[in-house]
Structures are given as structure tokens and as C-alpha cells.
Protein backbone atom coordinates (compact mmCIF):
# COMPACT_ATOMS: atom_id res chain seq x y z
CA MET A 1 82.56 -92.21 77.36
CA PRO A 2 79.69 -91.12 79.61
CA THR A 3 79.02 -87.43 79.90
CA TRP A 4 78.92 -85.59 83.18
CA VAL A 5 75.19 -85.02 82.75
CA LYS A 6 74.54 -88.76 82.42
CA SER A 7 76.78 -89.45 85.41
CA PHE A 8 74.99 -86.95 87.61
CA LYS A 9 71.58 -88.24 86.48
CA ALA A 10 72.66 -91.75 87.46
CA ALA A 11 73.98 -90.53 90.81
CA THR A 12 70.74 -88.67 91.46
CA ALA A 13 68.75 -91.80 90.66
CA VAL A 14 70.85 -93.82 93.10
CA VAL A 15 70.33 -91.25 95.85
CA VAL A 16 66.56 -91.00 95.25
CA PHE A 17 66.05 -94.76 95.15
CA GLY A 18 68.37 -95.18 98.12
CA LEU A 19 66.36 -92.68 100.16
CA LEU A 20 63.15 -94.45 99.19
CA TRP A 21 64.50 -97.78 100.43
CA ALA A 22 65.86 -96.11 103.57
CA LEU A 23 62.42 -94.69 104.32
CA ILE A 24 60.71 -98.06 103.82
CA GLY A 25 63.34 -99.80 105.96
CA LEU A 26 63.06 -97.13 108.64
CA VAL A 27 59.31 -97.67 108.93
CA VAL A 28 59.87 -101.42 109.37
CA LEU A 29 62.73 -100.79 111.82
CA VAL A 30 60.63 -98.45 113.97
CA GLY A 31 57.84 -101.03 113.96
CA GLY A 32 60.31 -103.62 115.21
CA LEU A 33 61.56 -101.34 117.96
CA TYR A 34 57.95 -100.66 118.95
CA LEU A 35 57.29 -104.41 119.14
CA MET A 36 60.35 -104.75 121.38
CA GLY A 37 58.75 -102.32 123.80
CA LEU A 38 61.03 -99.36 123.20
CA PRO A 39 59.31 -95.97 123.34
CA VAL A 40 60.33 -94.80 119.86
CA LEU A 41 56.87 -93.41 119.13
CA GLY A 42 56.30 -91.85 122.55
CA GLY A 43 56.53 -88.34 121.13
CA ILE A 44 53.26 -88.82 119.25
CA GLY A 45 51.48 -90.48 122.14
CA LEU A 46 51.99 -94.13 121.24
CA ALA A 47 53.56 -95.79 124.25
CA PRO A 48 54.19 -99.51 123.70
CA ALA A 49 52.85 -102.19 125.97
CA THR A 50 55.38 -104.20 127.94
CA PRO A 51 56.20 -107.15 125.69
CA GLY A 52 56.95 -110.65 126.78
CA ILE A 53 59.96 -112.53 125.53
CA GLY A 54 58.09 -113.49 122.34
CA GLY A 55 57.28 -109.89 121.51
CA PHE A 56 60.87 -108.88 122.16
CA VAL A 57 62.26 -111.59 119.88
CA LEU A 58 59.71 -110.79 117.16
CA GLY A 59 60.60 -107.11 117.44
CA ALA A 60 64.30 -107.90 117.15
CA VAL A 61 63.67 -109.96 114.00
CA VAL A 62 61.54 -107.19 112.47
CA THR A 63 64.23 -104.64 113.34
CA VAL A 64 66.89 -106.73 111.58
CA VAL A 65 64.58 -107.07 108.56
CA GLY A 66 64.22 -103.28 108.49
CA LEU A 67 67.99 -102.84 108.50
CA ALA A 68 68.31 -105.44 105.74
CA ILE A 69 65.72 -103.64 103.63
CA MET A 70 67.66 -100.39 103.96
CA LEU A 71 71.05 -101.87 103.16
CA LEU A 72 70.02 -104.27 100.40
CA GLY A 73 67.66 -101.75 98.85
CA PHE A 74 70.42 -99.17 98.55
CA LEU A 75 72.84 -101.74 97.17
CA ALA A 76 70.26 -102.97 94.64
CA SER A 77 69.54 -99.41 93.57
CA PHE A 78 73.24 -98.73 93.05
CA LEU A 79 73.76 -101.90 91.05
CA LYS A 80 70.63 -101.39 88.94
CA VAL A 81 71.55 -97.85 87.94
CA THR A 82 75.18 -98.79 87.33
CA VAL A 83 74.28 -101.72 85.09
CA GLU A 84 71.77 -99.64 83.16
CA SER A 85 74.41 -96.94 82.60
CA VAL A 86 76.96 -99.49 81.40
CA VAL A 87 74.45 -101.13 79.05
CA ASP A 88 73.52 -97.75 77.57
CA GLU A 89 77.19 -96.93 76.97
CA VAL A 90 77.88 -100.31 75.37
CA LYS A 91 74.86 -99.91 73.11
CA SER A 92 76.04 -96.46 72.03
CA LEU A 93 79.50 -97.84 71.23
CA ARG A 94 78.14 -100.66 69.09
CA MET A 95 76.06 -98.38 66.85
């Protein structure tokens, strides 16, 4: 049976890795929105040029990739930590 300390360590690892993937995905997502011509970086003085249809489509694809990185990265982090916790518990039961 896992202890509360192990459970909270695993939960903390999921949150930390999830935030890391969210940050990476957010950077890609903002880049995609910038390529689409949306003024997401206007507050720091980076106004985008007016894109053509190609730039808009490329920006939309990059934005979707950014969302996928965030979602899949969090899911992978959750599964990785969960599997590692289960393997550790099974190993401790077999000894």
C-alpha cells in the first residue's frame, strides 16, 4: 500500500512536469498565434505583420501543435509517474 508521502510526491511530480509541458506548449501556441497575425505580443512591442493566407494556415497548424504539446505532455507525465509508482509498489510486494 503506498504511503501518503509517496502519493503526494507522485502528485507533485505530475504537477511539475505538467506545468513544464504547459509552458513549452504555450510558447509554441503563442508563436502560432503570432504567425496568424494576432497581436498576442503587442504588449512588449512586437506587432505582427499582416499575414497572407499561407501565414494564417501555418499559424493555425502551429497553434494546434502547441495545444497538442500541452495536452499530450500532461497526459504523458501523468502516465509516466503513475506507472513508475505502480512498478515501485509491485517491486516492494515481491521482496
